[in-house]
């Protein structure tokens, strides 16, 4: 079966058979328009709420890894604008957990955007995973959203090793599962929310850089497993 997308009118023909590692996202450019970047962080919060599937992942993968006393620490690596960290704090409170959530990102622009909304129980820091390991930090659950596809092989290896070192319970990294269906759906829907942002371009590039389930399984180190999640998601999981 062909994995070229573009049969729909107005969609560019792209080859989705392999990861498009030559692509970079506009928001990763240190010289990108700061106003468009700020709007992009806010708009991706809406996009993630609609398509990331994290509410279900919270119930099925995060809650079972929290301490039985209901108190815990959750780390969001590469937190971007902080929408996942805030959502986890909100779900935890709703479900009766007393959870401290820490979001870290090495990009000062992301932390600035995240700190515009830092509710009680959530803190954001400009740090890398390596910084936290060096400081001896520990968390019950370590998560990330849309980080793995950004990383080269060496960076990903270090990121996963740091995640293992930081998590006393579970590491859980969610990303897009590359497919023609995911590309087509995003290409058709994203113009509704993309005005004045990098949401459409960067979202499509993210899909093209992302893993299939088989690719992720092949690239994960020993002790990690890959799972398929809906919609169009893949999870990398490690239990301590």
C-alpha atoms as a PDB file:
ATOM      1  CA  UNK A   1       0.000   0.000   0.000  1.00  0.00           C
ATOM      2  CA  UNK A   2       1.323   3.424  -0.881  1.00  0.00           C
ATOM      3  CA  UNK A   3       2.095   5.734   2.018  1.00  0.00           C
ATOM      4  CA  UNK A   4       2.079   8.895  -0.027  1.00  0.00           C
ATOM      5  CA  UNK A   5      -0.432  11.487   1.062  1.00  0.00           C
ATOM      6  CA  UNK A   6      -1.914  14.105  -1.253  1.00  0.00           C
ATOM      7  CA  UNK A   7      -4.950  12.495  -2.778  1.00  0.00           C
ATOM      8  CA  UNK A   8      -7.168  15.116  -1.161  1.00  0.00           C
ATOM      9  CA  UNK A   9      -7.495  18.359  -3.155  1.00  0.00           C
ATOM     10  CA  UNK A  10      -5.153  21.051  -1.878  1.00  0.00           C
ATOM     11  CA  UNK A  11      -2.908  18.715   0.114  1.00  0.00           C
ATOM     12  CA  UNK A  12       0.776  18.505  -0.835  1.00  0.00           C
ATOM     13  CA  UNK A  13       2.111  15.086  -1.803  1.00  0.00           C
ATOM     14  CA  UNK A  14       4.523  13.916   0.882  1.00  0.00           C
ATOM     15  CA  UNK A  15       6.320  10.638   1.432  1.00  0.00           C
ATOM     16  CA  UNK A  16       5.432   9.186   4.823  1.00  0.00           C
ATOM     17  CA  UNK A  17       7.266   5.902   4.422  1.00  0.00           C
ATOM     18  CA  UNK A  18      10.243   7.141   6.456  1.00  0.00           C
ATOM     19  CA  UNK A  19      10.885   9.840   9.046  1.00  0.00           C
ATOM     20  CA  UNK A  20      11.624  13.260   7.516  1.00  0.00           C
ATOM     21  CA  UNK A  21      14.612  14.036   9.716  1.00  0.00           C
ATOM     22  CA  UNK A  22      15.690  16.961   7.538  1.00  0.00           C
ATOM     23  CA  UNK A  23      12.668  19.020   8.632  1.00  0.00           C
ATOM     24  CA  UNK A  24      12.888  21.520  11.482  1.00  0.00           C
ATOM     25  CA  UNK A  25       9.977  23.267  13.138  1.00  0.00           C
ATOM     26  CA  UNK A  26       9.524  27.019  12.870  1.00  0.00           C
ATOM     27  CA  UNK A  27       9.073  27.467  16.609  1.00  0.00           C
ATOM     28  CA  UNK A  28      12.497  25.887  17.218  1.00  0.00           C
ATOM     29  CA  UNK A  29      14.161  28.812  15.422  1.00  0.00           C
ATOM     30  CA  UNK A  30      15.623  31.113  18.111  1.00  0.00           C
ATOM     31  CA  UNK A  31      14.950  34.061  15.787  1.00  0.00           C
ATOM     32  CA  UNK A  32      11.298  33.275  15.043  1.00  0.00           C
ATOM     33  CA  UNK A  33       8.643  35.972  15.560  1.00  0.00           C
ATOM     34  CA  UNK A  34       8.112  36.093  19.362  1.00  0.00           C
ATOM     35  CA  UNK A  35       4.476  37.171  19.017  1.00  0.00           C
ATOM     36  CA  UNK A  36       3.696  34.297  16.672  1.00  0.00           C
ATOM     37  CA  UNK A  37       5.541  31.951  19.029  1.00  0.00           C
ATOM     38  CA  UNK A  38       3.509  33.098  22.038  1.00  0.00           C
ATOM     39  CA  UNK A  39       0.289  32.588  20.062  1.00  0.00           C
ATOM     40  CA  UNK A  40       1.541  29.165  18.970  1.00  0.00           C
ATOM     41  CA  UNK A  41       2.108  28.012  22.568  1.00  0.00           C
ATOM     42  CA  UNK A  42      -1.422  29.102  23.479  1.00  0.00           C
ATOM     43  CA  UNK A  43      -3.006  27.531  20.398  1.00  0.00           C
ATOM     44  CA  UNK A  44      -1.163  24.222  20.781  1.00  0.00           C
ATOM     45  CA  UNK A  45      -2.783  23.966  24.217  1.00  0.00           C
ATOM     46  CA  UNK A  46      -6.140  23.798  22.418  1.00  0.00           C
ATOM     47  CA  UNK A  47      -4.851  21.380  19.775  1.00  0.00           C
ATOM     48  CA  UNK A  48      -3.350  19.057  22.402  1.00  0.00           C
ATOM     49  CA  UNK A  49      -6.558  19.072  24.411  1.00  0.00           C
ATOM     50  CA  UNK A  50      -8.440  17.933  21.309  1.00  0.00           C
ATOM     51  CA  UNK A  51      -6.084  15.333  19.853  1.00  0.00           C
ATOM     52  CA  UNK A  52      -3.366  14.253  22.295  1.00  0.00           C
ATOM     53  CA  UNK A  53      -5.426  11.682  24.186  1.00  0.00           C
ATOM     54  CA  UNK A  54      -3.740  12.517  27.496  1.00  0.00           C
ATOM     55  CA  UNK A  55      -6.940  12.403  29.557  1.00  0.00           C
ATOM     56  CA  UNK A  56      -7.215   8.669  28.884  1.00  0.00           C
ATOM     57  CA  UNK A  57      -3.464   8.165  29.359  1.00  0.00           C
ATOM     58  CA  UNK A  58      -3.705   9.886  32.738  1.00  0.00           C
ATOM     59  CA  UNK A  59      -6.245   7.305  33.879  1.00  0.00           C
ATOM     60  CA  UNK A  60      -4.656   4.212  32.354  1.00  0.00           C
ATOM     61  CA  UNK A  61      -0.929   4.903  32.739  1.00  0.00           C
ATOM     62  CA  UNK A  62      -0.240   7.738  35.184  1.00  0.00           C
ATOM     63  CA  UNK A  63      -2.708   7.078  38.020  1.00  0.00           C
ATOM     64  CA  UNK A  64      -1.631   3.415  38.480  1.00  0.00           C
ATOM     65  CA  UNK A  65       1.982   4.575  38.876  1.00  0.00           C
ATOM     66  CA  UNK A  66       1.251   7.148  41.611  1.00  0.00           C
ATOM     67  CA  UNK A  67       1.840   6.291  45.302  1.00  0.00           C
ATOM     68  CA  UNK A  68      -1.072   4.552  46.968  1.00  0.00           C
ATOM     69  CA  UNK A  69      -1.375   7.353  49.537  1.00  0.00           C
ATOM     70  CA  UNK A  70      -2.455   9.712  46.738  1.00  0.00           C
ATOM     71  CA  UNK A  71       0.495  12.076  47.144  1.00  0.00           C
ATOM     72  CA  UNK A  72       3.191  12.306  44.512  1.00  0.00           C
ATOM     73  CA  UNK A  73       5.420  14.276  42.178  1.00  0.00           C
ATOM     74  CA  UNK A  74       5.050  14.349  38.410  1.00  0.00           C
ATOM     75  CA  UNK A  75       7.663  15.792  36.053  1.00  0.00           C
ATOM     76  CA  UNK A  76       6.826  17.062  32.571  1.00  0.00           C
ATOM     77  CA  UNK A  77      10.020  17.103  30.495  1.00  0.00           C
ATOM     78  CA  UNK A  78      10.090  19.544  27.581  1.00  0.00           C
ATOM     79  CA  UNK A  79       6.920  21.159  28.893  1.00  0.00           C
ATOM     80  CA  UNK A  80       6.664  23.867  26.227  1.00  0.00           C
ATOM     81  CA  UNK A  81       3.865  26.254  27.116  1.00  0.00           C
ATOM     82  CA  UNK A  82       2.881  24.103  30.104  1.00  0.00           C
ATOM     83  CA  UNK A  83      -0.546  22.866  29.002  1.00  0.00           C
ATOM     84  CA  UNK A  84       0.086  19.213  29.901  1.00  0.00           C
ATOM     85  CA  UNK A  85       1.502  20.078  33.337  1.00  0.00           C
ATOM     86  CA  UNK A  86      -1.540  22.231  34.105  1.00  0.00           C
ATOM     87  CA  UNK A  87      -3.911  19.531  32.859  1.00  0.00           C
ATOM     88  CA  UNK A  88      -2.268  16.860  35.039  1.00  0.00           C
ATOM     89  CA  UNK A  89      -2.616  19.099  38.102  1.00  0.00           C
ATOM     90  CA  UNK A  90      -6.263  19.684  37.263  1.00  0.00           C
ATOM     91  CA  UNK A  91      -7.033  15.974  36.704  1.00  0.00           C
ATOM     92  CA  UNK A  92      -5.159  15.018  39.874  1.00  0.00           C
ATOM     93  CA  UNK A  93      -7.162  17.445  41.996  1.00  0.00           C
ATOM     94  CA  UNK A  94     -10.403  16.268  40.386  1.00  0.00           C
ATOM     95  CA  UNK A  95      -9.537  12.623  41.124  1.00  0.00           C
ATOM     96  CA  UNK A  96      -8.540  13.296  44.733  1.00  0.00           C
ATOM     97  CA  UNK A  97      -4.746  13.191  44.400  1.00  0.00           C
ATOM     98  CA  UNK A  98      -2.329  15.593  46.045  1.00  0.00           C
ATOM     99  CA  UNK A  99       0.216  15.919  43.246  1.00  0.00           C
ATOM    100  CA  UNK A 100       3.049  18.386  42.781  1.00  0.00           C
ATOM    101  CA  UNK A 101       3.691  18.942  39.071  1.00  0.00           C
ATOM    102  CA  UNK A 102       6.980  20.339  37.781  1.00  0.00           C
ATOM    103  CA  UNK A 103       7.412  21.346  34.158  1.00  0.00           C
ATOM    104  CA  UNK A 104      10.897  21.915  32.743  1.00  0.00           C
ATOM    105  CA  UNK A 105      12.140  23.064  29.380  1.00  0.00           C
ATOM    106  CA  UNK A 106      15.609  24.261  28.332  1.00  0.00           C
ATOM    107  CA  UNK A 107      14.023  26.985  26.152  1.00  0.00           C
ATOM    108  CA  UNK A 108      13.551  30.213  28.096  1.00  0.00           C
ATOM    109  CA  UNK A 109      10.781  31.266  25.705  1.00  0.00           C
ATOM    110  CA  UNK A 110       8.749  28.181  26.594  1.00  0.00           C
ATOM    111  CA  UNK A 111       9.133  28.778  30.336  1.00  0.00           C
ATOM    112  CA  UNK A 112       8.138  32.412  29.904  1.00  0.00           C
ATOM    113  CA  UNK A 113       4.979  31.280  28.121  1.00  0.00           C
ATOM    114  CA  UNK A 114       4.279  28.573  30.710  1.00  0.00           C
ATOM    115  CA  UNK A 115       4.675  30.953  33.647  1.00  0.00           C
ATOM    116  CA  UNK A 116       1.895  33.169  32.352  1.00  0.00           C
ATOM    117  CA  UNK A 117      -0.388  30.525  33.864  1.00  0.00           C
ATOM    118  CA  UNK A 118       1.169  28.625  36.750  1.00  0.00           C
ATOM    119  CA  UNK A 119      -1.664  27.484  39.040  1.00  0.00           C
ATOM    120  CA  UNK A 120      -1.211  26.248  42.593  1.00  0.00           C
ATOM    121  CA  UNK A 121       0.741  22.995  42.660  1.00  0.00           C
ATOM    122  CA  UNK A 122       2.503  23.611  39.332  1.00  0.00           C
ATOM    123  CA  UNK A 123       5.965  25.117  38.901  1.00  0.00           C
ATOM    124  CA  UNK A 124       7.945  25.719  35.737  1.00  0.00           C
ATOM    125  CA  UNK A 125      11.733  25.865  35.496  1.00  0.00           C
ATOM    126  CA  UNK A 126      14.230  26.461  32.717  1.00  0.00           C
ATOM    127  CA  UNK A 127      16.120  23.184  33.046  1.00  0.00           C
ATOM    128  CA  UNK A 128      17.161  20.156  31.009  1.00  0.00           C
ATOM    129  CA  UNK A 129      16.664  16.563  32.085  1.00  0.00           C
ATOM    130  CA  UNK A 130      20.423  16.353  32.665  1.00  0.00           C
ATOM    131  CA  UNK A 131      20.280  19.343  35.020  1.00  0.00           C
ATOM    132  CA  UNK A 132      17.687  17.551  37.148  1.00  0.00           C
ATOM    133  CA  UNK A 133      19.677  14.317  37.233  1.00  0.00           C
ATOM    134  CA  UNK A 134      22.781  16.227  38.329  1.00  0.00           C
ATOM    135  CA  UNK A 135      20.727  17.870  41.103  1.00  0.00           C
ATOM    136  CA  UNK A 136      19.535  14.483  42.367  1.00  0.00           C
ATOM    137  CA  UNK A 137      15.848  15.176  41.701  1.00  0.00           C
ATOM    138  CA  UNK A 138      13.349  12.288  41.843  1.00  0.00           C
ATOM    139  CA  UNK A 139       9.719  12.034  40.741  1.00  0.00           C
ATOM    140  CA  UNK A 140       7.093   9.321  40.920  1.00  0.00           C
ATOM    141  CA  UNK A 141       6.154   9.703  37.258  1.00  0.00           C
ATOM    142  CA  UNK A 142       8.049  11.387  34.428  1.00  0.00           C
ATOM    143  CA  UNK A 143       6.115  12.324  31.287  1.00  0.00           C
ATOM    144  CA  UNK A 144       6.604  14.202  28.044  1.00  0.00           C
ATOM    145  CA  UNK A 145       4.464  15.153  25.078  1.00  0.00           C
ATOM    146  CA  UNK A 146       5.807  15.607  21.539  1.00  0.00           C
ATOM    147  CA  UNK A 147       9.457  15.543  22.584  1.00  0.00           C
ATOM    148  CA  UNK A 148      10.803  12.277  21.143  1.00  0.00           C
ATOM    149  CA  UNK A 149      10.400  13.238  17.485  1.00  0.00           C
ATOM    150  CA  UNK A 150      12.513  16.368  18.047  1.00  0.00           C
ATOM    151  CA  UNK A 151      15.555  14.395  19.200  1.00  0.00           C
ATOM    152  CA  UNK A 152      18.409  12.843  17.276  1.00  0.00           C
ATOM    153  CA  UNK A 153      19.574   9.347  18.197  1.00  0.00           C
ATOM    154  CA  UNK A 154      22.151  10.475  20.772  1.00  0.00           C
ATOM    155  CA  UNK A 155      19.854  13.083  22.293  1.00  0.00           C
ATOM    156  CA  UNK A 156      17.024  10.573  22.556  1.00  0.00           C
ATOM    157  CA  UNK A 157      19.277   8.020  24.225  1.00  0.00           C
ATOM    158  CA  UNK A 158      20.356  10.587  26.818  1.00  0.00           C
ATOM    159  CA  UNK A 159      16.803  11.826  27.319  1.00  0.00           C
ATOM    160  CA  UNK A 160      15.481   8.330  27.999  1.00  0.00           C
ATOM    161  CA  UNK A 161      18.388   7.504  30.322  1.00  0.00           C
ATOM    162  CA  UNK A 162      17.751  10.725  32.260  1.00  0.00           C
ATOM    163  CA  UNK A 163      14.064   9.882  32.418  1.00  0.00           C
ATOM    164  CA  UNK A 164      14.848   6.486  33.941  1.00  0.00           C
ATOM    165  CA  UNK A 165      17.136   8.107  36.512  1.00  0.00           C
ATOM    166  CA  UNK A 166      14.502  10.681  37.476  1.00  0.00           C
ATOM    167  CA  UNK A 167      11.509   8.340  37.777  1.00  0.00           C
ATOM    168  CA  UNK A 168      11.028   6.216  40.874  1.00  0.00           C
ATOM    169  CA  UNK A 169       7.868   4.749  39.341  1.00  0.00           C
ATOM    170  CA  UNK A 170       7.170   5.186  35.647  1.00  0.00           C
ATOM    171  CA  UNK A 171       8.456   7.110  32.633  1.00  0.00           C
ATOM    172  CA  UNK A 172       5.843   7.798  29.975  1.00  0.00           C
ATOM    173  CA  UNK A 173       6.530   9.668  26.755  1.00  0.00           C
ATOM    174  CA  UNK A 174       3.718  10.305  24.295  1.00  0.00           C
ATOM    175  CA  UNK A 175       4.171  11.310  20.687  1.00  0.00           C
ATOM    176  CA  UNK A 176       2.422  11.329  17.341  1.00  0.00           C
ATOM    177  CA  UNK A 177       2.123   8.053  15.447  1.00  0.00           C
ATOM    178  CA  UNK A 178       3.097   8.836  11.848  1.00  0.00           C
ATOM    179  CA  UNK A 179       0.532   7.740   9.261  1.00  0.00           C
ATOM    180  CA  UNK A 180      -1.220   9.073   6.147  1.00  0.00           C
ATOM    181  CA  UNK A 181      -4.430   9.245   8.174  1.00  0.00           C
ATOM    182  CA  UNK A 182      -2.857  11.429  10.870  1.00  0.00           C
ATOM    183  CA  UNK A 183      -1.284  13.702   8.255  1.00  0.00           C
ATOM    184  CA  UNK A 184      -4.495  14.040   6.273  1.00  0.00           C
ATOM    185  CA  UNK A 185      -6.670  14.730   9.313  1.00  0.00           C
ATOM    186  CA  UNK A 186      -4.315  17.384  10.650  1.00  0.00           C
ATOM    187  CA  UNK A 187      -3.826  19.033   7.256  1.00  0.00           C
ATOM    188  CA  UNK A 188      -7.570  19.403   6.815  1.00  0.00           C
ATOM    189  CA  UNK A 189      -8.434  20.509  10.373  1.00  0.00           C
ATOM    190  CA  UNK A 190      -5.478  22.679  11.422  1.00  0.00           C
ATOM    191  CA  UNK A 191      -6.369  25.774   9.327  1.00  0.00           C
ATOM    192  CA  UNK A 192      -9.323  26.281  11.690  1.00  0.00           C
ATOM    193  CA  UNK A 193      -6.952  27.173  14.560  1.00  0.00           C
ATOM    194  CA  UNK A 194      -3.694  28.122  12.837  1.00  0.00           C
ATOM    195  CA  UNK A 195      -4.130  31.804  11.953  1.00  0.00           C
ATOM    196  CA  UNK A 196      -1.164  33.905  13.117  1.00  0.00           C
ATOM    197  CA  UNK A 197       0.715  30.882  14.493  1.00  0.00           C
ATOM    198  CA  UNK A 198       3.117  28.100  13.505  1.00  0.00           C
ATOM    199  CA  UNK A 199       0.500  25.472  14.366  1.00  0.00           C
ATOM    200  CA  UNK A 200      -0.210  24.180  10.869  1.00  0.00           C
ATOM    201  CA  UNK A 201       3.350  24.093   9.492  1.00  0.00           C
ATOM    202  CA  UNK A 202       4.943  22.752  12.654  1.00  0.00           C
ATOM    203  CA  UNK A 203       2.198  20.210  13.272  1.00  0.00           C
ATOM    204  CA  UNK A 204       2.584  18.735   9.796  1.00  0.00           C
ATOM    205  CA  UNK A 205       6.360  18.688  10.134  1.00  0.00           C
ATOM    206  CA  UNK A 206       6.014  16.979  13.521  1.00  0.00           C
ATOM    207  CA  UNK A 207       3.927  14.211  11.972  1.00  0.00           C
ATOM    208  CA  UNK A 208       6.507  13.676   9.246  1.00  0.00           C
ATOM    209  CA  UNK A 209       9.340  13.488  11.821  1.00  0.00           C
ATOM    210  CA  UNK A 210       7.455  11.121  14.135  1.00  0.00           C
ATOM    211  CA  UNK A 211       7.671   7.357  14.591  1.00  0.00           C
ATOM    212  CA  UNK A 212       5.472   4.495  13.592  1.00  0.00           C
ATOM    213  CA  UNK A 213       4.879   1.986  16.367  1.00  0.00           C
ATOM    214  CA  UNK A 214       7.355  -0.477  14.824  1.00  0.00           C
ATOM    215  CA  UNK A 215      10.024   2.221  14.437  1.00  0.00           C
ATOM    216  CA  UNK A 216       9.682   3.300  18.037  1.00  0.00           C
ATOM    217  CA  UNK A 217       9.930  -0.293  19.263  1.00  0.00           C
ATOM    218  CA  UNK A 218      13.115  -0.735  17.271  1.00  0.00           C
ATOM    219  CA  UNK A 219      14.730   2.401  18.641  1.00  0.00           C
ATOM    220  CA  UNK A 220      13.883   2.063  22.351  1.00  0.00           C
ATOM    221  CA  UNK A 221      16.582   0.693  24.700  1.00  0.00           C
ATOM    222  CA  UNK A 222      16.183  -2.430  26.811  1.00  0.00           C
ATOM    223  CA  UNK A 223      13.552  -2.141  29.515  1.00  0.00           C
ATOM    224  CA  UNK A 224      11.316   0.158  27.490  1.00  0.00           C
ATOM    225  CA  UNK A 225       8.151  -0.802  25.633  1.00  0.00           C
ATOM    226  CA  UNK A 226       6.103   0.940  22.940  1.00  0.00           C
ATOM    227  CA  UNK A 227       2.318   0.977  22.873  1.00  0.00           C
ATOM    228  CA  UNK A 228      -0.210   2.231  20.376  1.00  0.00           C
ATOM    229  CA  UNK A 229      -2.690   4.805  21.684  1.00  0.00           C
ATOM    230  CA  UNK A 230      -5.590   6.648  20.134  1.00  0.00           C
ATOM    231  CA  UNK A 231      -5.941   8.877  18.309  1.00  0.00           C
ATOM    232  CA  UNK A 232      -2.797   8.544  16.173  1.00  0.00           C
ATOM    233  CA  UNK A 233      -0.531   8.262  19.214  1.00  0.00           C
ATOM    234  CA  UNK A 234       2.369   6.137  20.385  1.00  0.00           C
ATOM    235  CA  UNK A 235       3.686   5.740  23.935  1.00  0.00           C
ATOM    236  CA  UNK A 236       7.191   4.885  25.167  1.00  0.00           C
ATOM    237  CA  UNK A 237       6.975   3.398  28.663  1.00  0.00           C
ATOM    238  CA  UNK A 238       9.498   2.345  31.295  1.00  0.00           C
ATOM    239  CA  UNK A 239       8.660   0.995  34.754  1.00  0.00           C
ATOM    240  CA  UNK A 240      11.270   1.288  37.474  1.00  0.00           C
END
